[in-house]
């Protein structure tokens, strides 16, 4: 199972950018390059970014682990 490595603001921005890029397929210049918007949309919805994982970056706060 993948651990979330994106914060809420990061995720919201990715979803908005992804939807905006996908809209280019249907409105405006109607270019197929708009489908590149699937990448930020999927990573924003899932909360996990492969590039962040490779680079060891996190934009979400670390979970607190309490003692049992």
PDB file of N, CA and C in Angstrom:
ATOM      1  N   UNK A   1       0.844  -1.175   0.000  1.00  0.00           N
ATOM      2  CA  UNK A   1       0.000   0.000   0.000  1.00  0.00           C
ATOM      3  C   UNK A   1       0.894   1.244   0.000  1.00  0.00           C
ATOM      4  N   UNK A   2       0.510   2.242  -0.756  1.00  0.00           N
ATOM      5  CA  UNK A   2       1.294   3.461  -0.878  1.00  0.00           C
ATOM      6  C   UNK A   2       0.979   4.417   0.263  1.00  0.00           C
ATOM      7  N   UNK A   3       2.008   5.047   0.780  1.00  0.00           N
ATOM      8  CA  UNK A   3       1.861   6.019   1.844  1.00  0.00           C
ATOM      9  C   UNK A   3       1.689   7.397   1.216  1.00  0.00           C
ATOM     10  N   UNK A   4       0.781   8.187   1.752  1.00  0.00           N
ATOM     11  CA  UNK A   4       0.544   9.532   1.234  1.00  0.00           C
ATOM     12  C   UNK A   4       1.786  10.383   1.438  1.00  0.00           C
ATOM     13  N   UNK A   5       2.214  11.068   0.382  1.00  0.00           N
ATOM     14  CA  UNK A   5       3.362  11.959   0.508  1.00  0.00           C
ATOM     15  C   UNK A   5       3.048  13.361  -0.019  1.00  0.00           C
ATOM     16  N   UNK A   6       1.766  13.664  -0.197  1.00  0.00           N
ATOM     17  CA  UNK A   6       1.331  14.981  -0.639  1.00  0.00           C
ATOM     18  C   UNK A   6       0.396  15.586   0.400  1.00  0.00           C
ATOM     19  N   UNK A   7       0.614  16.866   0.685  1.00  0.00           N
ATOM     20  CA  UNK A   7      -0.258  17.579   1.601  1.00  0.00           C
ATOM     21  C   UNK A   7      -1.556  17.991   0.922  1.00  0.00           C
ATOM     22  N   UNK A   8      -2.507  18.495   1.707  1.00  0.00           N
ATOM     23  CA  UNK A   8      -3.818  18.849   1.181  1.00  0.00           C
ATOM     24  C   UNK A   8      -3.737  19.953   0.130  1.00  0.00           C
ATOM     25  N   UNK A   9      -2.954  21.003   0.383  1.00  0.00           N
ATOM     26  CA  UNK A   9      -2.833  22.090  -0.581  1.00  0.00           C
ATOM     27  C   UNK A   9      -2.212  21.587  -1.886  1.00  0.00           C
ATOM     28  N   UNK A  10      -1.198  20.775  -1.780  1.00  0.00           N
ATOM     29  CA  UNK A  10      -0.541  20.185  -2.946  1.00  0.00           C
ATOM     30  C   UNK A  10      -1.555  19.378  -3.761  1.00  0.00           C
ATOM     31  N   UNK A  11      -2.367  18.592  -3.079  1.00  0.00           N
ATOM     32  CA  UNK A  11      -3.360  17.753  -3.755  1.00  0.00           C
ATOM     33  C   UNK A  11      -4.414  18.586  -4.464  1.00  0.00           C
ATOM     34  N   UNK A  12      -4.896  19.641  -3.810  1.00  0.00           N
ATOM     35  CA  UNK A  12      -5.915  20.508  -4.411  1.00  0.00           C
ATOM     36  C   UNK A  12      -5.366  21.184  -5.665  1.00  0.00           C
ATOM     37  N   UNK A  13      -4.145  21.679  -5.579  1.00  0.00           N
ATOM     38  CA  UNK A  13      -3.529  22.344  -6.731  1.00  0.00           C
ATOM     39  C   UNK A  13      -3.367  21.361  -7.894  1.00  0.00           C
ATOM     40  N   UNK A  14      -2.951  20.140  -7.590  1.00  0.00           N
ATOM     41  CA  UNK A  14      -2.770  19.131  -8.644  1.00  0.00           C
ATOM     42  C   UNK A  14      -4.096  18.791  -9.321  1.00  0.00           C
ATOM     43  N   UNK A  15      -5.160  18.666  -8.543  1.00  0.00           N
ATOM     44  CA  UNK A  15      -6.471  18.345  -9.125  1.00  0.00           C
ATOM     45  C   UNK A  15      -6.944  19.492 -10.020  1.00  0.00           C
ATOM     46  N   UNK A  16      -6.797  20.730  -9.556  1.00  0.00           N
ATOM     47  CA  UNK A  16      -7.223  21.885 -10.356  1.00  0.00           C
ATOM     48  C   UNK A  16      -6.416  21.975 -11.651  1.00  0.00           C
ATOM     49  N   UNK A  17      -5.099  21.831 -11.550  1.00  0.00           N
ATOM     50  CA  UNK A  17      -4.250  21.894 -12.746  1.00  0.00           C
ATOM     51  C   UNK A  17      -4.582  20.744 -13.694  1.00  0.00           C
ATOM     52  N   UNK A  18      -4.790  19.569 -13.151  1.00  0.00           N
ATOM     53  CA  UNK A  18      -5.132  18.414 -13.986  1.00  0.00           C
ATOM     54  C   UNK A  18      -6.435  18.614 -14.739  1.00  0.00           C
ATOM     55  N   UNK A  19      -7.458  19.107 -14.054  1.00  0.00           N
ATOM     56  CA  UNK A  19      -8.738  19.356 -14.710  1.00  0.00           C
ATOM     57  C   UNK A  19      -8.629  20.456 -15.756  1.00  0.00           C
ATOM     58  N   UNK A  20      -7.839  21.482 -15.448  1.00  0.00           N
ATOM     59  CA  UNK A  20      -7.648  22.571 -16.416  1.00  0.00           C
ATOM     60  C   UNK A  20      -6.965  22.059 -17.684  1.00  0.00           C
ATOM     61  N   UNK A  21      -5.945  21.215 -17.514  1.00  0.00           N
ATOM     62  CA  UNK A  21      -5.249  20.676 -18.686  1.00  0.00           C
ATOM     63  C   UNK A  21      -6.147  19.739 -19.495  1.00  0.00           C
ATOM     64  N   UNK A  22      -6.917  18.914 -18.811  1.00  0.00           N
ATOM     65  CA  UNK A  22      -7.819  18.000 -19.514  1.00  0.00           C
ATOM     66  C   UNK A  22      -8.882  18.785 -20.273  1.00  0.00           C
ATOM     67  N   UNK A  23      -9.304  19.923 -19.740  1.00  0.00           N
ATOM     68  CA  UNK A  23     -10.319  20.734 -20.430  1.00  0.00           C
ATOM     69  C   UNK A  23      -9.812  21.240 -21.776  1.00  0.00           C
ATOM     70  N   UNK A  24      -8.490  21.328 -21.944  1.00  0.00           N
ATOM     71  CA  UNK A  24      -7.927  21.764 -23.229  1.00  0.00           C
ATOM     72  C   UNK A  24      -8.234  20.788 -24.356  1.00  0.00           C
ATOM     73  N   UNK A  25      -8.556  19.559 -24.007  1.00  0.00           N
ATOM     74  CA  UNK A  25      -8.888  18.563 -25.023  1.00  0.00           C
ATOM     75  C   UNK A  25     -10.254  18.880 -25.630  1.00  0.00           C
ATOM     76  N   UNK A  26     -11.148  19.436 -24.819  1.00  0.00           N
ATOM     77  CA  UNK A  26     -12.525  19.661 -25.256  1.00  0.00           C
ATOM     78  C   UNK A  26     -12.833  21.116 -25.589  1.00  0.00           C
ATOM     79  N   UNK A  27     -12.141  22.057 -24.953  1.00  0.00           N
ATOM     80  CA  UNK A  27     -12.404  23.475 -25.133  1.00  0.00           C
ATOM     81  C   UNK A  27     -11.091  24.163 -25.484  1.00  0.00           C
ATOM     82  N   UNK A  28     -11.168  25.317 -26.087  1.00  0.00           N
ATOM     83  CA  UNK A  28      -9.956  26.074 -26.387  1.00  0.00           C
ATOM     84  C   UNK A  28      -9.229  25.508 -27.585  1.00  0.00           C
ATOM     85  N   UNK A  29      -7.911  25.277 -27.467  1.00  0.00           N
ATOM     86  CA  UNK A  29      -7.148  24.824 -28.633  1.00  0.00           C
ATOM     87  C   UNK A  29      -7.453  23.387 -29.060  1.00  0.00           C
ATOM     88  N   UNK A  30      -8.165  22.639 -28.239  1.00  0.00           N
ATOM     89  CA  UNK A  30      -8.537  21.244 -28.535  1.00  0.00           C
ATOM     90  C   UNK A  30      -7.329  20.416 -28.967  1.00  0.00           C
ATOM     91  N   UNK A  31      -6.334  20.414 -28.108  1.00  0.00           N
ATOM     92  CA  UNK A  31      -5.111  19.679 -28.398  1.00  0.00           C
ATOM     93  C   UNK A  31      -5.051  18.413 -27.551  1.00  0.00           C
ATOM     94  N   UNK A  32      -4.441  17.380 -28.096  1.00  0.00           N
ATOM     95  CA  UNK A  32      -4.323  16.118 -27.357  1.00  0.00           C
ATOM     96  C   UNK A  32      -3.338  16.235 -26.197  1.00  0.00           C
ATOM     97  N   UNK A  33      -2.522  17.276 -26.174  1.00  0.00           N
ATOM     98  CA  UNK A  33      -1.577  17.468 -25.078  1.00  0.00           C
ATOM     99  C   UNK A  33      -2.308  17.692 -23.757  1.00  0.00           C
ATOM    100  N   UNK A  34      -3.571  18.011 -23.798  1.00  0.00           N
ATOM    101  CA  UNK A  34      -4.340  18.190 -22.577  1.00  0.00           C
ATOM    102  C   UNK A  34      -4.444  16.925 -21.744  1.00  0.00           C
ATOM    103  N   UNK A  35      -4.297  15.767 -22.393  1.00  0.00           N
ATOM    104  CA  UNK A  35      -4.384  14.506 -21.658  1.00  0.00           C
ATOM    105  C   UNK A  35      -3.239  14.333 -20.659  1.00  0.00           C
ATOM    106  N   UNK A  36      -2.196  15.154 -20.786  1.00  0.00           N
ATOM    107  CA  UNK A  36      -1.115  15.101 -19.798  1.00  0.00           C
ATOM    108  C   UNK A  36      -1.654  15.486 -18.419  1.00  0.00           C
ATOM    109  N   UNK A  37      -2.810  16.143 -18.403  1.00  0.00           N
ATOM    110  CA  UNK A  37      -3.464  16.517 -17.150  1.00  0.00           C
ATOM    111  C   UNK A  37      -3.904  15.330 -16.315  1.00  0.00           C
ATOM    112  N   UNK A  38      -3.935  14.145 -16.908  1.00  0.00           N
ATOM    113  CA  UNK A  38      -4.282  12.952 -16.131  1.00  0.00           C
ATOM    114  C   UNK A  38      -3.257  12.675 -15.033  1.00  0.00           C
ATOM    115  N   UNK A  39      -1.997  12.992 -15.300  1.00  0.00           N
ATOM    116  CA  UNK A  39      -0.951  12.729 -14.312  1.00  0.00           C
ATOM    117  C   UNK A  39      -1.168  13.533 -13.021  1.00  0.00           C
ATOM    118  N   UNK A  40      -1.281  14.874 -13.080  1.00  0.00           N
ATOM    119  CA  UNK A  40      -1.520  15.593 -11.830  1.00  0.00           C
ATOM    120  C   UNK A  40      -2.879  15.267 -11.214  1.00  0.00           C
ATOM    121  N   UNK A  41      -3.868  14.959 -12.048  1.00  0.00           N
ATOM    122  CA  UNK A  41      -5.183  14.612 -11.509  1.00  0.00           C
ATOM    123  C   UNK A  41      -5.130  13.316 -10.703  1.00  0.00           C
ATOM    124  N   UNK A  42      -4.503  12.296 -11.254  1.00  0.00           N
ATOM    125  CA  UNK A  42      -4.413  11.002 -10.560  1.00  0.00           C
ATOM    126  C   UNK A  42      -3.549  11.109  -9.303  1.00  0.00           C
ATOM    127  N   UNK A  43      -2.415  11.809  -9.393  1.00  0.00           N
ATOM    128  CA  UNK A  43      -1.564  11.926  -8.212  1.00  0.00           C
ATOM    129  C   UNK A  43      -2.243  12.769  -7.140  1.00  0.00           C
ATOM    130  N   UNK A  44      -3.001  13.782  -7.551  1.00  0.00           N
ATOM    131  CA  UNK A  44      -3.721  14.600  -6.581  1.00  0.00           C
ATOM    132  C   UNK A  44      -4.825  13.823  -5.890  1.00  0.00           C
ATOM    133  N   UNK A  45      -5.531  12.991  -6.635  1.00  0.00           N
ATOM    134  CA  UNK A  45      -6.600  12.199  -6.041  1.00  0.00           C
ATOM    135  C   UNK A  45      -6.062  11.077  -5.152  1.00  0.00           C
ATOM    136  N   UNK A  46      -4.937  10.502  -5.529  1.00  0.00           N
ATOM    137  CA  UNK A  46      -4.387   9.396  -4.744  1.00  0.00           C
ATOM    138  C   UNK A  46      -3.568   9.879  -3.546  1.00  0.00           C
ATOM    139  N   UNK A  47      -2.976  11.079  -3.662  1.00  0.00           N
ATOM    140  CA  UNK A  47      -2.156  11.603  -2.570  1.00  0.00           C
ATOM    141  C   UNK A  47      -0.736  11.081  -2.577  1.00  0.00           C
ATOM    142  N   UNK A  48      -0.354  10.390  -3.640  1.00  0.00           N
ATOM    143  CA  UNK A  48       0.993   9.823  -3.732  1.00  0.00           C
ATOM    144  C   UNK A  48       1.635  10.229  -5.045  1.00  0.00           C
ATOM    145  N   UNK A  49       2.861  10.703  -4.980  1.00  0.00           N
ATOM    146  CA  UNK A  49       3.612  11.110  -6.167  1.00  0.00           C
ATOM    147  C   UNK A  49       4.890  10.283  -6.237  1.00  0.00           C
ATOM    148  N   UNK A  50       5.094   9.610  -7.350  1.00  0.00           N
ATOM    149  CA  UNK A  50       6.272   8.773  -7.530  1.00  0.00           C
ATOM    150  C   UNK A  50       7.568   9.569  -7.500  1.00  0.00           C
ATOM    151  N   UNK A  51       7.572  10.755  -8.105  1.00  0.00           N
ATOM    152  CA  UNK A  51       8.765  11.591  -8.101  1.00  0.00           C
ATOM    153  C   UNK A  51       9.119  12.018  -6.679  1.00  0.00           C
ATOM    154  N   UNK A  52       8.108  12.378  -5.889  1.00  0.00           N
ATOM    155  CA  UNK A  52       8.356  12.731  -4.484  1.00  0.00           C
ATOM    156  C   UNK A  52       8.971  11.544  -3.750  1.00  0.00           C
ATOM    157  N   UNK A  53       8.474  10.342  -4.027  1.00  0.00           N
ATOM    158  CA  UNK A  53       8.990   9.142  -3.366  1.00  0.00           C
ATOM    159  C   UNK A  53      10.455   8.908  -3.731  1.00  0.00           C
ATOM    160  N   UNK A  54      10.790   9.090  -4.998  1.00  0.00           N
ATOM    161  CA  UNK A  54      12.171   8.897  -5.439  1.00  0.00           C
ATOM    162  C   UNK A  54      13.108   9.910  -4.792  1.00  0.00           C
ATOM    163  N   UNK A  55      12.654  11.167  -4.722  1.00  0.00           N
ATOM    164  CA  UNK A  55      13.487  12.237  -4.169  1.00  0.00           C
ATOM    165  C   UNK A  55      13.422  12.333  -2.649  1.00  0.00           C
ATOM    166  N   UNK A  56      12.518  11.582  -2.032  1.00  0.00           N
ATOM    167  CA  UNK A  56      12.378  11.606  -0.574  1.00  0.00           C
ATOM    168  C   UNK A  56      11.663  12.842  -0.053  1.00  0.00           C
ATOM    169  N   UNK A  57      10.851  13.478  -0.894  1.00  0.00           N
ATOM    170  CA  UNK A  57      10.124  14.675  -0.484  1.00  0.00           C
ATOM    171  C   UNK A  57       8.763  14.315   0.078  1.00  0.00           C
ATOM    172  N   UNK A  58       8.246  15.165   0.961  1.00  0.00           N
ATOM    173  CA  UNK A  58       6.897  15.046   1.507  1.00  0.00           C
ATOM    174  C   UNK A  58       6.342  16.447   1.690  1.00  0.00           C
ATOM    175  N   UNK A  59       5.107  16.669   1.281  1.00  0.00           N
ATOM    176  CA  UNK A  59       4.453  17.942   1.561  1.00  0.00           C
ATOM    177  C   UNK A  59       3.334  17.766   2.569  1.00  0.00           C
ATOM    178  N   UNK A  60       3.174  16.553   3.079  1.00  0.00           N
ATOM    179  CA  UNK A  60       2.176  16.333   4.105  1.00  0.00           C
ATOM    180  C   UNK A  60       2.890  16.153   5.448  1.00  0.00           C
ATOM    181  N   UNK A  61       2.200  16.539   6.528  1.00  0.00           N
ATOM    182  CA  UNK A  61       2.817  16.359   7.839  1.00  0.00           C
ATOM    183  C   UNK A  61       2.967  14.876   8.177  1.00  0.00           C
ATOM    184  N   UNK A  62       4.010  14.564   8.894  1.00  0.00           N
ATOM    185  CA  UNK A  62       4.210  13.182   9.325  1.00  0.00           C
ATOM    186  C   UNK A  62       3.174  12.822  10.368  1.00  0.00           C
ATOM    187  N   UNK A  63       2.714  11.587  10.318  1.00  0.00           N
ATOM    188  CA  UNK A  63       1.727  11.123  11.287  1.00  0.00           C
ATOM    189  C   UNK A  63       2.391  10.960  12.641  1.00  0.00           C
ATOM    190  N   UNK A  64       1.664  11.340  13.676  1.00  0.00           N
ATOM    191  CA  UNK A  64       2.182  11.169  15.033  1.00  0.00           C
ATOM    192  C   UNK A  64       1.910   9.735  15.462  1.00  0.00           C
ATOM    193  N   UNK A  65       2.921   9.135  16.021  1.00  0.00           N
ATOM    194  CA  UNK A  65       2.774   7.755  16.505  1.00  0.00           C
ATOM    195  C   UNK A  65       2.732   7.777  18.017  1.00  0.00           C
ATOM    196  N   UNK A  66       1.600   7.422  18.542  1.00  0.00           N
ATOM    197  CA  UNK A  66       1.430   7.411  19.988  1.00  0.00           C
ATOM    198  C   UNK A  66       1.836   6.076  20.573  1.00  0.00           C
ATOM    199  N   UNK A  67       2.155   6.088  21.850  1.00  0.00           N
ATOM    200  CA  UNK A  67       2.503   4.836  22.497  1.00  0.00           C
ATOM    201  C   UNK A  67       1.237   4.128  22.931  1.00  0.00           C
ATOM    202  N   UNK A  68       1.280   2.795  22.901  1.00  0.00           N
ATOM    203  CA  UNK A  68       0.103   2.006  23.230  1.00  0.00           C
ATOM    204  C   UNK A  68       0.145   1.581  24.665  1.00  0.00           C
TER     205      UNK A  68
END
